[in-house]
Protein backbone atom coordinates (compact mmCIF):
# COMPACT_ATOMS: atom_id res chain seq x y z
CA MET A 1 11.21 32.53 -3.84
CA LYS A 2 14.49 34.27 -5.47
CA LYS A 3 14.06 32.36 -8.38
CA CYS A 4 10.39 33.24 -8.77
CA ASN A 5 11.22 37.02 -8.31
CA PHE A 6 13.95 36.77 -10.86
CA PHE A 7 11.65 35.07 -13.43
CA ILE A 8 8.95 37.80 -12.76
CA LYS A 9 11.71 40.53 -13.31
CA LYS A 10 12.53 38.71 -16.71
CA ILE A 11 9.01 38.79 -17.76
CA MET A 12 8.45 42.53 -16.70
CA VAL A 13 11.48 43.51 -18.86
CA GLY A 14 10.32 41.62 -21.88
CA LEU A 15 6.69 43.24 -21.33
CA PHE A 16 8.19 46.68 -21.05
CA LEU A 17 10.16 46.21 -24.61
CA ILE A 18 7.18 44.98 -26.19
CA SER A 19 4.81 47.76 -24.94
CA ASP A 20 7.55 50.33 -25.68
CA ARG A 21 7.68 48.91 -29.35
CA ALA A 22 3.91 48.96 -29.33
CA PHE A 23 3.69 52.60 -28.61
CA ALA A 24 6.22 53.46 -31.30
CA THR A 25 3.86 51.80 -33.67
CA ASP A 26 0.50 53.22 -32.40
CA TRP A 27 -0.50 49.99 -30.79
CA ASN A 28 -1.71 51.74 -27.70
CA GLN A 29 -4.49 49.24 -26.81
CA PHE A 30 -2.08 46.42 -27.06
CA ALA A 31 0.75 48.31 -24.82
CA LYS A 32 -2.01 49.04 -22.30
CA VAL A 33 -2.96 45.68 -21.83
CA MET A 34 0.51 44.19 -21.72
CA LEU A 35 1.43 46.89 -19.10
CA GLY A 36 -1.62 45.60 -17.20
CA VAL A 37 -0.47 41.97 -17.18
CA GLY A 38 2.87 43.16 -16.05
CA GLY A 39 1.45 44.95 -13.08
CA ALA A 40 -0.72 41.97 -12.09
CA LEU A 41 2.37 39.89 -12.17
CA VAL A 42 4.18 42.45 -9.91
CA ALA A 43 1.25 42.49 -7.43
CA THR A 44 1.18 38.59 -7.40
CA ALA A 45 4.74 38.55 -6.64
CA GLY A 46 4.54 41.04 -4.04
CA THR A 47 1.52 39.13 -2.42
CA ILE A 48 3.76 35.89 -2.31
CA ALA A 49 6.50 37.51 -0.85
CA GLY A 50 4.24 39.21 1.63
CA VAL A 51 2.55 35.93 2.50
CA ASN A 52 5.98 34.22 2.79
CA TRP A 53 7.30 36.76 5.30
CA TRP A 54 4.01 36.69 7.20
CA LEU A 55 4.05 32.95 7.72
CA THR A 56 7.84 32.54 8.49
CA PRO A 57 8.27 32.74 12.26
CA THR A 58 11.04 35.02 13.63
CA ASP A 59 14.09 33.93 15.38
CA GLU A 60 12.52 34.52 18.69
CA GLU A 61 9.41 32.64 17.78
CA TYR A 62 11.40 29.74 16.20
CA CYS A 63 13.54 29.19 19.27
CA ARG A 64 10.30 29.14 21.33
CA GLN A 65 8.64 26.51 19.16
CA LEU A 66 11.73 24.43 18.71
CA ASN A 67 12.55 24.39 22.27
CA SER A 68 9.03 22.95 22.96
CA GLU A 69 9.52 20.30 20.19
CA ILE A 70 12.93 19.50 21.51
CA SER A 71 11.36 18.88 25.12
CA HIS A 72 8.72 16.67 23.56
CA ILE A 73 11.02 14.45 21.83
CA ALA A 74 13.21 14.14 24.73
CA VAL A 75 10.56 13.16 27.02
CA THR A 76 9.09 10.87 24.64
CA HIS A 77 12.48 8.86 24.23
CA GLU A 78 13.84 9.18 27.88
CA LYS A 79 12.75 5.96 28.94
CA LEU A 80 14.16 4.18 25.85
CA VAL A 81 17.50 5.95 25.95
CA ASN A 82 17.73 5.32 29.81
CA LEU A 83 17.01 1.78 29.41
CA CYS A 84 19.81 1.62 26.41
CA LYS A 85 22.13 3.30 28.81
CA SER A 86 21.40 1.03 31.93
CA THR A 87 21.69 -2.25 29.59
CA PHE A 88 24.86 -1.50 27.73
CA GLY A 89 26.59 0.79 30.53
CA TRP A 90 27.09 4.21 28.85
CA THR A 91 26.39 7.89 29.84
CA THR A 92 27.78 10.09 27.17
CA TYR A 93 27.88 9.47 23.45
CA SER A 94 31.29 8.93 21.48
CA PHE A 95 32.34 7.11 18.43
CA ASP A 96 34.08 4.32 20.23
CA LEU A 97 30.71 4.02 22.12
CA ARG A 98 28.96 3.57 18.83
CA GLN A 99 31.42 0.81 17.74
CA ARG A 100 31.18 -1.13 20.78
CA LEU A 101 27.15 -0.94 21.01
CA MET A 102 26.89 -1.98 17.44
CA SER A 103 28.79 -5.15 18.05
CA SER A 104 26.96 -5.85 21.50
CA PHE A 105 24.01 -8.04 21.66
CA SER A 106 21.12 -7.89 24.36
CA GLU A 107 17.85 -9.74 23.87
CA THR A 108 16.67 -8.68 27.06
CA PHE A 109 16.81 -4.88 25.89
CA LEU A 110 14.92 -5.95 22.52
CA PHE A 111 12.32 -7.67 24.25
CA GLU A 112 11.63 -4.94 26.64
CA VAL A 113 11.38 -2.33 23.81
CA ALA A 114 9.38 -4.52 21.66
CA SER A 115 6.91 -5.56 24.56
CA GLU A 116 6.66 -1.86 25.90
CA ASN A 117 6.04 -0.41 22.37
CA TYR A 118 3.59 -3.04 21.43
CA LYS A 119 1.39 -2.55 24.28
CA LEU A 120 1.39 1.30 23.65
CA HIS A 121 1.04 1.49 19.73
CA ASN A 122 0.21 -2.20 18.62
CA VAL A 123 3.71 -2.48 16.91
CA THR A 124 6.93 -3.68 18.13
CA PHE A 125 9.29 -1.38 16.47
CA PRO A 126 9.40 2.29 17.73
CA LEU A 127 8.78 4.14 14.48
CA HIS A 128 8.31 7.45 16.08
CA ILE A 129 12.21 7.41 16.89
CA VAL A 130 13.04 7.40 13.19
CA GLU A 131 10.63 10.17 12.48
CA HIS A 132 12.05 12.33 15.36
CA CYS A 133 15.53 11.80 14.23
CA LYS A 134 14.62 13.09 10.89
CA ALA A 135 12.93 16.12 12.51
CA LEU A 136 16.01 16.96 14.55
CA GLU A 137 18.11 16.78 11.37
CA ARG A 138 15.88 19.26 9.67
CA SER A 139 15.77 21.58 12.79
CA LEU A 140 19.60 21.55 12.98
CA ALA A 141 19.65 22.60 9.19
CA GLU A 142 17.13 25.50 9.89
CA LEU A 143 19.19 26.57 12.85
CA PHE A 144 22.46 26.77 10.96
CA LYS A 145 20.81 28.82 8.38
CA ARG A 146 19.28 31.36 10.68
CA ILE A 147 22.56 31.45 12.65
CA ASP A 148 24.41 32.13 9.30
CA ASN A 149 22.00 34.98 8.50
CA LEU A 150 22.64 36.68 11.81
CA ASN A 151 26.31 36.41 11.50
CA ARG A 152 26.27 38.33 8.12
CA TYR A 153 25.22 41.63 10.08
CA TYR A 154 28.10 43.74 11.00
CA SER A 155 26.50 44.60 14.45
CA LEU A 156 23.36 42.93 16.24
CA ASP A 157 20.85 44.57 18.63
CA ALA A 158 20.12 43.14 21.99
CA LEU A 159 17.24 40.85 20.61
CA GLN A 160 19.35 39.68 17.94
CA ARG A 161 22.13 38.77 20.15
CA LYS A 162 19.80 37.09 22.56
CA ASN A 163 18.39 35.13 19.72
CA LEU A 164 21.73 34.18 18.45
CA SER A 165 22.64 32.73 21.96
CA SER A 166 19.43 30.80 22.15
CA MET A 167 19.96 29.24 18.77
CA GLN A 168 23.59 28.18 19.48
CA THR A 169 22.16 26.63 22.74
CA LEU A 170 19.64 24.98 20.75
CA VAL A 171 22.47 23.46 18.42
CA ARG A 172 24.14 21.99 21.28
CA LEU A 173 21.17 20.46 22.81
CA ILE A 174 19.91 18.99 19.46
CA SER A 175 23.30 17.76 18.62
CA ARG A 176 23.54 15.78 21.90
CA LEU A 177 19.99 14.75 21.56
CA SER A 178 20.38 13.60 18.06
CA GLU A 179 23.40 11.73 18.73
CA GLU A 180 21.78 9.51 21.62
CA LEU A 181 18.60 9.08 19.45
CA GLU A 182 20.50 8.07 16.20
CA LEU A 183 22.46 5.57 18.20
CA VAL A 184 19.58 3.84 19.71
CA LYS A 185 17.65 3.91 16.31
CA ASP A 186 20.54 2.49 14.48
CA TYR A 187 21.02 -0.45 16.98
CA LEU A 188 17.14 -1.12 16.96
CA MET A 189 17.44 -0.83 12.95
CA LEU A 190 20.04 -3.55 13.26
CA HIS A 191 17.63 -5.96 14.75
CA GLN A 192 14.57 -5.49 12.53
CA ALA A 193 14.11 -8.95 12.18
CA TYR A 194 13.55 -9.40 15.76
CA PHE A 195 10.86 -6.88 15.83
CA ALA A 196 9.16 -8.48 12.99
CA LEU A 197 8.98 -12.00 14.31
CA SER A 198 8.04 -10.68 17.81
CA GLU A 199 5.33 -8.71 16.28
CA ASN A 200 3.80 -11.57 14.32
CA CYS A 201 4.26 -13.66 17.63
CA TYR A 202 2.32 -11.11 19.72
CA LYS A 203 -0.66 -10.75 17.08
CA ALA A 204 -0.83 -14.64 16.60
CA GLN A 205 -0.99 -14.93 20.44
CA GLU A 206 -3.91 -12.58 20.43
CA SER A 207 -5.59 -14.35 17.92
CA TYR A 208 -5.26 -17.84 19.38
CA LYS A 209 -5.40 -16.79 23.02
CA LYS A 210 -8.39 -18.95 24.07
CA GLU A 211 -7.26 -21.89 22.08
CA ILE A 212 -3.75 -21.74 23.67
CA ASP A 213 -5.38 -21.74 27.01
CA TRP A 214 -7.01 -24.80 26.05
CA VAL A 215 -4.02 -26.35 24.79
CA GLY A 216 -2.23 -25.97 27.97
CA MET A 217 -5.07 -27.59 29.97
CA TYR A 218 -5.68 -30.38 27.56
CA SER A 219 -2.33 -31.10 25.77
CA SER A 220 -2.30 -34.76 26.76
CA ASP A 221 -6.04 -35.20 25.95
CA LEU A 222 -6.80 -34.66 22.39
CA TYR A 223 -10.27 -35.54 22.52
CA GLY A 224 -11.21 -33.12 25.34
CA LEU A 225 -9.09 -30.58 23.39
CA GLY A 226 -11.10 -31.01 20.34
CA GLN A 227 -14.33 -30.55 22.21
CA ARG A 228 -13.12 -27.34 23.69
CA LEU A 229 -11.91 -26.05 20.32
CA ASP A 230 -15.20 -26.60 18.52
CA ALA A 231 -16.59 -23.55 20.36
CA CYS A 232 -13.56 -21.54 19.28
CA VAL A 233 -14.07 -22.73 15.74
CA TYR A 234 -17.76 -21.74 15.45
CA ALA A 235 -17.27 -18.45 17.27
CA LYS A 236 -14.84 -17.38 14.81
CA TYR A 237 -16.44 -18.74 11.66
CA THR A 238 -20.05 -18.54 12.36
CA GLY A 239 -22.03 -18.90 9.04
CA TYR A 240 -19.27 -20.70 7.32
CA ARG A 241 -20.30 -23.82 5.31
CA TYR A 242 -16.98 -25.55 6.22
CA PRO A 243 -15.77 -23.91 9.35
CA TYR A 244 -13.16 -26.46 10.27
CA VAL A 245 -11.54 -26.14 6.89
CA SER A 246 -11.32 -22.42 7.07
CA TYR A 247 -10.04 -22.54 10.57
CA VAL A 248 -7.27 -25.31 10.19
CA MET A 249 -6.17 -23.53 6.90
CA ASN A 250 -5.91 -20.33 8.80
CA VAL A 251 -3.82 -21.89 11.54
CA TYR A 252 -1.54 -23.38 8.86
CA ASP A 253 -1.10 -19.95 7.33
CA SER A 254 -0.27 -18.60 10.86
CA ILE A 255 2.47 -21.33 11.19
CA ASP A 256 4.01 -20.65 7.66
CA ARG A 257 4.01 -16.90 8.51
CA LEU A 258 5.85 -17.37 11.77
CA MET A 259 8.23 -19.85 10.41
CA ASN A 260 9.23 -17.52 7.44
CA PHE A 261 10.04 -14.61 9.79
CA ARG A 262 11.91 -17.11 11.92
CA THR A 263 14.19 -17.98 9.05
CA ASN A 264 14.90 -14.62 8.37
CA ILE A 265 16.55 -13.88 11.68
CA SER A 266 20.48 -13.56 11.64
CA TYR A 267 21.12 -13.35 15.49
CA ASN A 268 20.55 -15.82 18.04
CA TYR A 269 17.53 -14.65 19.98
CA GLN A 270 17.36 -17.66 22.03
CA TYR A 271 14.28 -16.57 24.02
CA LEU A 272 12.21 -15.46 20.97
CA ILE A 273 13.08 -18.66 19.09
CA ASN A 274 12.27 -20.96 21.75
CA TRP A 275 9.04 -18.91 22.41
CA THR A 276 8.13 -19.24 18.69
CA ASP A 277 8.94 -22.77 18.50
CA ASP A 278 6.92 -23.57 21.44
CA PHE A 279 3.98 -21.55 19.99
CA VAL A 280 4.15 -23.18 16.71
CA SER A 281 4.05 -26.54 18.35
CA LYS A 282 1.03 -25.48 20.20
CA LEU A 283 -0.69 -24.47 16.85
CA LYS A 284 0.13 -27.82 15.17
CA LEU A 285 -1.45 -29.66 18.19
CA ILE A 286 -4.48 -27.62 17.58
CA THR A 287 -4.62 -28.92 14.04
CA VAL A 288 -3.93 -32.37 15.30
CA ALA A 289 -6.87 -32.10 17.76
CA LEU A 290 -9.06 -31.08 14.87
CA ASP A 291 -7.70 -33.34 12.19
CA SER A 292 -10.80 -35.81 12.00
CA ARG A 293 -13.36 -32.87 11.73
CA TYR A 294 -11.24 -30.84 9.21
CA ARG A 295 -10.57 -34.04 7.13
CA ALA A 296 -14.34 -34.95 7.15
CA GLN A 297 -15.32 -31.25 6.15
CA LEU A 298 -12.52 -31.36 3.54
CA VAL A 299 -13.91 -34.53 1.90
CA GLN A 300 -17.52 -33.09 1.98
CA LYS A 301 -16.02 -29.97 0.43
CA GLU A 302 -14.45 -31.88 -2.35
CA ARG A 303 -17.70 -33.84 -2.96
CA ASP A 304 -19.57 -30.59 -3.13
CA GLN A 305 -16.96 -29.23 -5.50
CA LEU A 306 -17.32 -32.29 -7.62
CA GLU A 307 -21.04 -32.16 -7.52
CA GLN A 308 -21.01 -28.49 -8.62
CA GLU A 309 -18.60 -29.57 -11.33
CA ARG A 310 -20.97 -32.19 -12.39
CA ILE A 311 -24.04 -29.76 -12.45
CA LYS A 312 -22.04 -27.42 -14.60
CA LEU A 313 -21.09 -30.31 -16.79
CA GLU A 314 -24.59 -31.31 -17.14
CA GLN A 315 -25.68 -27.59 -17.90
CA LYS A 316 -23.11 -27.33 -20.62
CA ARG A 317 -24.14 -30.69 -22.15
CA ALA A 318 -27.77 -29.37 -21.99
CA GLU A 319 -26.64 -26.16 -23.60
CA LEU A 320 -24.62 -28.16 -26.34
CA GLN A 321 -27.53 -30.36 -27.13
CA ALA A 322 -29.79 -27.61 -27.49
CA ALA A 323 -27.25 -25.83 -29.87
CA ARG A 324 -27.24 -29.12 -31.72
CA VAL A 325 -30.84 -29.37 -32.20
CA ARG A 326 -30.85 -25.64 -33.24
CA LEU A 327 -27.92 -26.51 -35.75
CA VAL A 328 -29.95 -29.39 -37.36
CA ALA A 329 -33.00 -27.26 -37.67
CA GLU A 330 -31.37 -24.56 -39.20
CA THR A 331 -29.54 -27.12 -41.57
CA GLU A 332 -32.91 -28.54 -42.49
CA ILE A 333 -34.48 -25.32 -43.12
CA ALA A 334 -31.43 -24.27 -45.22
CA ARG A 335 -31.80 -27.71 -47.15
CA TRP A 336 -35.54 -27.04 -47.76
CA GLU A 337 -34.88 -23.47 -48.81
CA ALA A 338 -32.25 -24.53 -51.43
CA GLN A 339 -34.86 -27.24 -52.56
CA ARG A 340 -37.41 -24.56 -52.98
CA ILE A 341 -34.93 -22.33 -54.83
CA GLU A 342 -34.11 -25.14 -57.13
CA ILE A 343 -37.80 -26.01 -57.99
CA GLU A 344 -38.50 -22.51 -58.73
CA ARG A 345 -35.57 -22.31 -60.96
CA ASN A 346 -36.68 -25.37 -62.82
CA LEU A 347 -40.20 -24.14 -63.04
CA LEU A 348 -38.82 -21.02 -64.55
CA GLN A 349 -36.91 -23.03 -67.11
CA LEU A 350 -39.94 -25.03 -67.92
CA GLN A 351 -41.87 -22.04 -68.25
CA SER A 352 -39.26 -20.45 -70.77
CA LYS A 353 -39.33 -23.77 -72.70
CA LEU A 354 -43.07 -23.70 -72.91
CA ASN A 355 -43.15 -20.11 -73.98
CA THR A 356 -40.59 -20.87 -76.67
CA ALA A 357 -42.36 -23.95 -77.96
CA VAL A 358 -45.81 -21.68 -78.11
CA GLU A 359 -43.89 -19.17 -80.33
CA ASN A 360 -42.41 -21.81 -82.45
CA ASP A 361 -45.84 -23.49 -82.88
CA LYS A 362 -47.39 -20.08 -84.02
CA ALA A 363 -44.55 -19.56 -86.22
CA LEU A 364 -45.35 -23.21 -87.79
CA GLN A 365 -49.11 -22.56 -88.15
CA LEU A 366 -48.40 -19.21 -89.84
CA ASN A 367 -46.00 -20.72 -92.46
CA ILE A 368 -48.66 -23.26 -93.16
CA ALA A 369 -51.19 -20.86 -93.57
CA VAL A 370 -49.12 -18.83 -96.19
CA ASN A 371 -48.14 -21.96 -98.15
CA VAL A 372 -51.71 -22.90 -98.50
């Protein structure tokens, strides 16, 4: 805003000098126009400043709004922070605590955070804690700015002293809350690979819930399992020409995705690793139970593709044959046209020779008549 006002002042000075010179050279109309532009700029700057002042909350309003926001953030993450405190045994933040916590490991804590957050938001990592930490950081910066503005006054009235006290209290509250949330957030960020793998496991479990139930009931009876899985395949791929191919390929993609996330983990998440391996083994059992159907449709799909290729080749061959016929016809027409042109040229030559012979004959007759 200050830069904007400074820029407008510079423009106004320049416009004033131009208009003053214009009056000196009797450019009255030009000067009036320039002064009008300058007045418009001044009015615009005043309007911007007024709107900015009107939209900016007072210290009292800001403290009231911020206090409500802090309460909301604290309540939102109270369960998570308390879970972290009870799991790792701490009550107040300190630098030593941060070092100890970052070197500690609790898969139970990660599991409870991931499962609870997935139930509420369909994602395992609590992204809102990152957003709220940034919001607290911005609020602290704004509070320090407002406190600094009040400290510049030589004396404060009762309302200003009250606002200053409220803002100082908010600084302490935000600092304490921010330290705890930042600690929990950094610990969770350290284990992002856990949340990525667990989220994909949850999504895969939801996608194959019915199939996994059948696997649990018919793990030793592949024939019976295959019959139960038929309904699942046709329910998910109704209208597909090769439903078993599409279904099994999707299962293979799910297995590859889970194994890729599994290889990215750097901590020994024993429960999650065992759960993932067990789930992948069940998915593989599904592919085994459907293998004969899958291979039969895969062979049929390849045959259909080959047939399509054959039809395309036949069409291409027919097009080439038609093109060859057209080319031969065009070639014959061109040859006939060349022959016609050659005949006409020969006729013209013969006609020329005939005309010459007639002329010579006339000349000869004339000479004979003269001699006689």
